[in-house]
Protein backbone atom coordinates (compact mmCIF):
# COMPACT_ATOMS: atom_id res chain seq x y z
CA UNK A 1 -16.02 -19.84 7.63
CA UNK A 2 -16.20 -16.21 6.54
CA UNK A 3 -15.48 -14.96 3.01
CA UNK A 4 -13.91 -12.26 3.73
CA UNK A 5 -11.47 -11.11 6.72
CA UNK A 6 -11.07 -7.71 7.31
CA UNK A 7 -7.75 -6.85 8.85
CA UNK A 8 -7.79 -3.41 10.89
CA UNK A 9 -4.38 -2.57 13.51
CA UNK A 10 -5.04 0.01 15.57
CA UNK A 11 -2.85 2.36 17.76
CA UNK A 12 -3.78 5.84 19.45
CA UNK A 13 -6.39 6.12 16.72
CA UNK A 14 -8.46 9.59 16.99
CA UNK A 15 -12.11 8.36 18.28
CA UNK A 16 -13.67 10.43 15.26
CA UNK A 17 -11.51 8.40 12.59
CA UNK A 18 -12.05 5.34 14.11
CA UNK A 19 -15.63 5.01 14.78
CA UNK A 20 -16.05 6.49 10.82
CA UNK A 21 -13.61 3.10 9.84
CA UNK A 22 -15.33 1.01 11.65
CA UNK A 23 -18.88 1.96 10.95
CA UNK A 24 -17.92 1.69 7.11
CA UNK A 25 -16.48 -1.46 7.52
CA UNK A 26 -20.07 -2.62 9.32
CA UNK A 27 -22.29 -0.91 6.78
CA UNK A 28 -20.79 -3.17 3.84
CA UNK A 29 -23.57 -4.60 1.66
CA UNK A 30 -21.54 -7.83 1.45
CA UNK A 31 -21.83 -9.17 5.00
CA UNK A 32 -19.99 -12.24 5.05
CA UNK A 33 -16.86 -11.23 6.98
CA UNK A 34 -15.05 -11.07 10.28
CA UNK A 35 -13.59 -7.78 11.46
CA UNK A 36 -10.16 -8.83 13.01
CA UNK A 37 -9.10 -5.84 15.11
CA UNK A 38 -5.35 -5.90 16.61
CA UNK A 39 -4.75 -2.83 19.24
CA UNK A 40 -0.90 -2.58 18.41
CA UNK A 41 -0.41 -1.13 22.62
CA UNK A 42 -2.20 1.59 22.48
CA UNK A 43 -1.18 4.27 24.91
CA UNK A 44 -4.71 6.10 24.66
CA UNK A 45 -7.21 3.93 26.32
CA UNK A 46 -9.98 5.47 24.16
CA UNK A 47 -9.05 2.84 21.34
CA UNK A 48 -9.89 -0.15 23.45
CA UNK A 49 -13.31 1.77 24.86
CA UNK A 50 -14.20 2.51 21.32
CA UNK A 51 -14.06 -1.27 19.56
CA UNK A 52 -15.66 -2.42 22.95
CA UNK A 53 -18.72 0.15 22.34
CA UNK A 54 -19.52 -2.09 19.25
CA UNK A 55 -21.57 -4.87 19.89
CA UNK A 56 -21.41 -7.20 16.50
CA UNK A 57 -20.37 -10.85 16.73
CA UNK A 58 -18.55 -10.36 13.02
CA UNK A 59 -16.10 -8.33 15.25
CA UNK A 60 -12.94 -10.23 16.77
CA UNK A 61 -10.70 -8.11 19.03
CA UNK A 62 -7.12 -8.54 20.10
CA UNK A 63 -4.20 -6.64 22.02
CA UNK A 64 -0.44 -7.19 21.86
CA UNK A 65 0.98 -7.31 25.06
CA UNK A 66 3.78 -4.76 23.75
CA UNK A 67 3.73 -2.52 20.48
CA UNK A 68 5.05 -4.60 17.91
CA UNK A 69 5.09 -1.90 14.97
CA UNK A 70 2.85 -1.96 11.88
CA UNK A 71 4.16 -4.78 10.14
CA UNK A 72 4.16 -7.47 12.74
CA UNK A 73 0.77 -6.82 13.52
CA UNK A 74 -0.33 -6.99 10.11
CA UNK A 75 1.09 -10.07 10.21
CA UNK A 76 -0.25 -11.14 13.04
CA UNK A 77 -3.61 -10.41 11.28
CA UNK A 78 -3.18 -12.44 8.72
CA UNK A 79 -2.41 -15.49 11.23
CA UNK A 80 -5.83 -14.77 12.77
CA UNK A 81 -7.68 -14.37 9.49
CA UNK A 82 -10.06 -17.23 8.72
CA UNK A 83 -11.36 -15.74 5.51
CA UNK A 84 -10.86 -16.83 1.79
CA UNK A 85 -10.10 -13.44 0.96
CA UNK A 86 -7.92 -10.23 3.15
CA UNK A 87 -9.13 -7.20 2.91
CA UNK A 88 -6.61 -4.87 3.73
CA UNK A 89 -7.57 -1.49 5.89
CA UNK A 90 -5.85 1.27 7.82
CA UNK A 91 -7.67 2.47 11.22
CA UNK A 92 -8.49 6.27 9.87
CA UNK A 93 -9.53 5.43 6.01
CA UNK A 94 -13.00 4.68 5.37
CA UNK A 95 -14.59 1.86 2.88
CA UNK A 96 -17.68 3.36 1.03
CA UNK A 97 -20.70 0.54 1.20
CA UNK A 98 -20.19 -1.94 -1.91
CA UNK A 99 -15.88 -2.26 -1.89
CA UNK A 100 -16.40 -5.87 -0.13
CA UNK A 101 -19.18 -7.10 -2.96
CA UNK A 102 -17.52 -5.50 -5.83
CA UNK A 103 -14.05 -7.07 -4.78
CA UNK A 104 -15.33 -10.28 -3.96
CA UNK A 105 -17.27 -10.42 -7.00
CA UNK A 106 -14.13 -9.55 -9.18
CA UNK A 107 -11.92 -12.13 -7.44
CA UNK A 108 -14.44 -14.85 -7.44
CA UNK A 109 -14.87 -14.48 -11.01
CA UNK A 110 -11.09 -13.70 -11.91
CA UNK A 111 -8.89 -16.71 -10.13
CA UNK A 112 -5.48 -15.60 -11.58
CA UNK A 113 -5.60 -12.33 -9.47
CA UNK A 114 -4.55 -12.37 -6.20
CA UNK A 115 -4.38 -8.55 -5.56
CA UNK A 116 -7.14 -6.19 -6.07
CA UNK A 117 -7.15 -2.64 -5.54
CA UNK A 118 -9.25 0.22 -6.04
CA UNK A 119 -9.82 3.99 -7.21
CA UNK A 120 -10.28 6.22 -4.33
CA UNK A 121 -10.80 9.65 -2.73
CA UNK A 122 -8.42 11.58 -1.12
CA UNK A 123 -10.05 13.19 1.96
CA UNK A 124 -10.48 16.00 3.04
CA UNK A 125 -9.65 17.38 -0.53
CA UNK A 126 -12.11 15.22 -1.97
CA UNK A 127 -9.73 14.29 -4.98
CA UNK A 128 -10.52 11.20 -7.27
CA UNK A 129 -7.35 8.84 -7.80
CA UNK A 130 -7.55 6.30 -10.53
CA UNK A 131 -4.37 3.71 -10.71
CA UNK A 132 -3.39 1.42 -13.59
CA UNK A 133 -5.91 -1.39 -14.13
CA UNK A 134 -4.49 -4.42 -15.73
CA UNK A 135 -1.67 -6.80 -14.32
CA UNK A 136 0.96 -5.81 -16.81
CA UNK A 137 0.16 -1.77 -16.25
CA UNK A 138 0.83 -2.26 -12.41
CA UNK A 139 3.71 -4.39 -12.78
CA UNK A 140 5.43 -2.05 -14.95
CA UNK A 141 4.30 0.61 -12.59
CA UNK A 142 5.77 -1.53 -9.52
CA UNK A 143 9.31 -0.84 -10.96
CA UNK A 144 9.06 3.13 -9.91
CA UNK A 145 6.14 3.26 -7.76
CA UNK A 146 2.99 1.87 -5.92
CA UNK A 147 0.01 1.90 -7.82
CA UNK A 148 -2.04 0.15 -5.38
CA UNK A 149 -3.10 1.96 -2.71
CA UNK A 150 -2.78 -0.54 0.13
CA UNK A 151 -5.89 -0.01 2.53
CA UNK A 152 -7.92 -0.36 -0.49
CA UNK A 153 -6.45 -3.84 -1.45
CA UNK A 154 -7.97 -7.48 -0.94
CA UNK A 155 -5.92 -10.08 -1.49
CA UNK A 156 -6.71 -14.02 -1.48
CA UNK A 157 -5.13 -15.30 1.77
CA UNK A 158 -3.76 -18.54 -0.69
CA UNK A 159 -1.05 -16.53 -2.26
CA UNK A 160 0.38 -15.51 0.63
CA UNK A 161 0.63 -19.03 2.19
CA UNK A 162 1.83 -20.76 -0.72
CA UNK A 163 4.40 -18.09 -0.90
CA UNK A 164 5.40 -17.20 2.52
CA UNK A 165 5.47 -13.58 1.82
CA UNK A 166 4.35 -11.57 4.50
CA UNK A 167 5.17 -7.98 5.28
CA UNK A 168 9.15 -7.40 6.45
CA UNK A 169 9.69 -4.48 9.26
CA UNK A 170 12.97 -3.84 7.52
CA UNK A 171 11.12 -2.04 5.04
CA UNK A 172 8.90 0.13 7.00
CA UNK A 173 7.03 2.14 5.93
CA UNK A 174 6.94 0.81 2.66
CA UNK A 175 6.27 -2.57 3.85
CA UNK A 176 3.16 -2.69 1.37
CA UNK A 177 5.15 -1.77 -1.44
CA UNK A 178 7.70 -4.72 -0.71
CA UNK A 179 5.31 -7.27 -0.12
CA UNK A 180 3.82 -6.37 -3.77
CA UNK A 181 7.38 -6.36 -4.92
CA UNK A 182 7.72 -10.25 -4.17
CA UNK A 183 4.58 -11.16 -5.54
CA UNK A 184 5.30 -10.14 -8.62
CA UNK A 185 5.31 -13.68 -11.01
CA UNK A 186 3.31 -15.34 -8.23
CA UNK A 187 0.17 -13.75 -9.16
CA UNK A 188 -1.49 -11.22 -10.97
CA UNK A 189 -2.70 -8.04 -9.79
CA UNK A 190 -5.89 -5.77 -10.84
CA UNK A 191 -7.38 -2.07 -9.83
CA UNK A 192 -11.43 -1.86 -10.07
CA UNK A 193 -11.78 1.75 -11.88
CA UNK A 194 -14.71 2.52 -8.92
CA UNK A 195 -14.10 4.67 -6.37
CA UNK A 196 -14.99 2.36 -3.38
CA UNK A 197 -12.79 4.07 -0.79
CA UNK A 198 -11.87 7.26 1.05
CA UNK A 199 -7.91 7.74 2.23
CA UNK A 200 -7.32 10.06 4.65
CA UNK A 201 -4.40 12.44 3.46
CA UNK A 202 -2.58 14.42 6.11
CA UNK A 203 0.51 15.89 7.41
CA UNK A 204 0.82 12.85 10.11
CA UNK A 205 0.75 9.92 7.50
CA UNK A 206 3.75 7.62 8.32
CA UNK A 207 5.21 8.13 4.76
CA UNK A 208 5.51 12.03 5.41
CA UNK A 209 7.09 11.25 8.81
CA UNK A 210 9.49 9.09 7.52
CA UNK A 211 10.80 10.37 3.72
CA UNK A 212 14.66 9.93 5.11
CA UNK A 213 14.11 6.21 6.00
CA UNK A 214 12.34 5.68 2.45
CA UNK A 215 15.54 6.98 0.56
CA UNK A 216 17.66 4.59 2.22
CA UNK A 217 14.75 1.96 1.63
CA UNK A 218 14.64 2.81 -2.31
CA UNK A 219 18.23 2.07 -2.99
CA UNK A 220 17.90 -1.39 -1.70
CA UNK A 221 14.49 -1.79 -3.47
CA UNK A 222 15.73 -0.86 -7.14
CA UNK A 223 18.56 -3.03 -6.73
CA UNK A 224 16.47 -5.88 -6.16
CA UNK A 225 13.83 -4.84 -8.87
CA UNK A 226 17.06 -4.42 -11.24
CA UNK A 227 18.25 -8.04 -10.43
CA UNK A 228 15.16 -9.95 -10.00
CA UNK A 229 12.86 -8.51 -12.51
CA UNK A 230 15.69 -6.86 -15.30
CA UNK A 231 13.19 -7.37 -17.96
CA UNK A 232 10.52 -4.97 -16.13
CA UNK A 233 13.32 -3.00 -15.02
CA UNK A 234 14.72 -1.91 -18.46
CA UNK A 235 10.89 -1.24 -19.74
CA UNK A 236 10.18 0.97 -16.90
CA UNK A 237 13.57 3.04 -17.24
CA UNK A 238 12.81 2.93 -21.03
CA UNK A 239 9.20 4.57 -20.68
CA UNK A 240 9.89 6.64 -17.38
CA UNK A 241 13.24 7.82 -17.20
CA UNK A 242 13.67 11.63 -18.46
CA UNK A 243 16.97 12.79 -19.54
CA UNK A 244 17.84 16.52 -20.45
CA UNK A 245 21.47 17.32 -21.71
CA UNK A 246 22.72 20.91 -21.33
CA UNK A 247 25.05 22.10 -23.81
CA UNK A 248 27.27 25.64 -23.66
CA UNK A 249 28.80 26.60 -26.98
CA UNK A 250 27.55 23.26 -28.51
CA UNK A 251 29.43 21.00 -26.20
CA UNK A 252 27.84 18.89 -23.52
CA UNK A 253 28.15 20.20 -20.02
CA UNK A 254 25.59 18.35 -18.08
CA UNK A 255 23.31 15.41 -18.20
CA UNK A 256 20.37 15.93 -16.28
CA UNK A 257 18.28 12.19 -15.12
CA UNK A 258 15.17 11.96 -13.76
CA UNK A 259 13.46 9.02 -12.22
CA UNK A 260 10.37 8.65 -10.01
CA UNK A 261 11.32 10.88 -7.01
CA UNK A 262 14.78 11.29 -7.72
CA UNK A 263 16.86 13.41 -10.02
CA UNK A 264 20.88 12.71 -11.04
CA UNK A 265 23.12 15.63 -12.15
CA UNK A 266 25.91 14.29 -14.34
CA UNK A 267 28.81 16.53 -15.43
CA UNK A 268 30.08 16.12 -18.94
CA UNK A 269 27.61 13.40 -19.11
CA UNK A 270 29.01 11.06 -17.09
CA UNK A 271 30.56 12.29 -13.55
CA UNK A 272 27.90 12.13 -10.98
CA UNK A 273 27.60 15.27 -9.16
CA UNK A 274 24.52 15.80 -7.07
CA UNK A 275 21.26 13.70 -6.40
CA UNK A 276 17.78 16.10 -5.82
CA UNK A 277 15.03 14.16 -3.72
CA UNK A 278 11.70 15.31 -4.35
CA UNK A 279 9.39 15.51 -2.03
CA UNK A 280 7.07 12.13 -0.91
CA UNK A 281 3.30 13.20 -0.38
CA UNK A 282 1.32 9.84 -0.51
CA UNK A 283 1.50 6.94 1.98
CA UNK A 284 2.60 3.47 1.35
CA UNK A 285 4.89 4.74 -1.62
CA UNK A 286 8.59 4.98 -2.80
């Protein structure tokens, strides 16, 4: 059995991006892995042609008979995986050569950690992004944001098997964030500070196209967090909610409450009058 299963869903991927993605995986310094590719019924026949152009015994290729969507395709990949660790990947991103080696080394040394991300570079701007490192920091950040860049994550398959947690299509396109929330208290989280991943950020990213739906999901997610993790929720509110009071002639006439991407306005400090949302620009985040 391989140590790592790389989970790669593909759908109508541009050939240049797909080749860069696959070659980044096959070029890892750590070689004990299987690369499982599931084609989610692409309408572009070039996707299958590109995948089959690689002659590497570590590649296992499957095609969905009909388009299942990213959540169900990711769940199928989990079921197909034989490895101890699951390396998540997206079809247009790039893993740097030492990514798998560094993540396997860390997970082997830290059995309490079940979800491990890395720092990354956003391309094409070459912007370096480092996330919170410890489980405590990550759990608090999960109350209002997603501090794990999903296609950089490596997870223990045993954690998903034992908990039964999977991707939920009802939370698309934030199914990864929802998965992490349901793992709080069931495993620990971590991020490596090294840049081991290139994340392709562009206007076509799913989150940029699904902002309205994300707003609808946001309300459900925050209600769940407040109910299931009240201490973490209160801590995040205390540390990350900004409140501004506007007075006129010494009389408070407006309170402005800003939390994550939402700004709420209250007349006289308690009458809700408006909510304003800032633009979501990062894939897989609320």
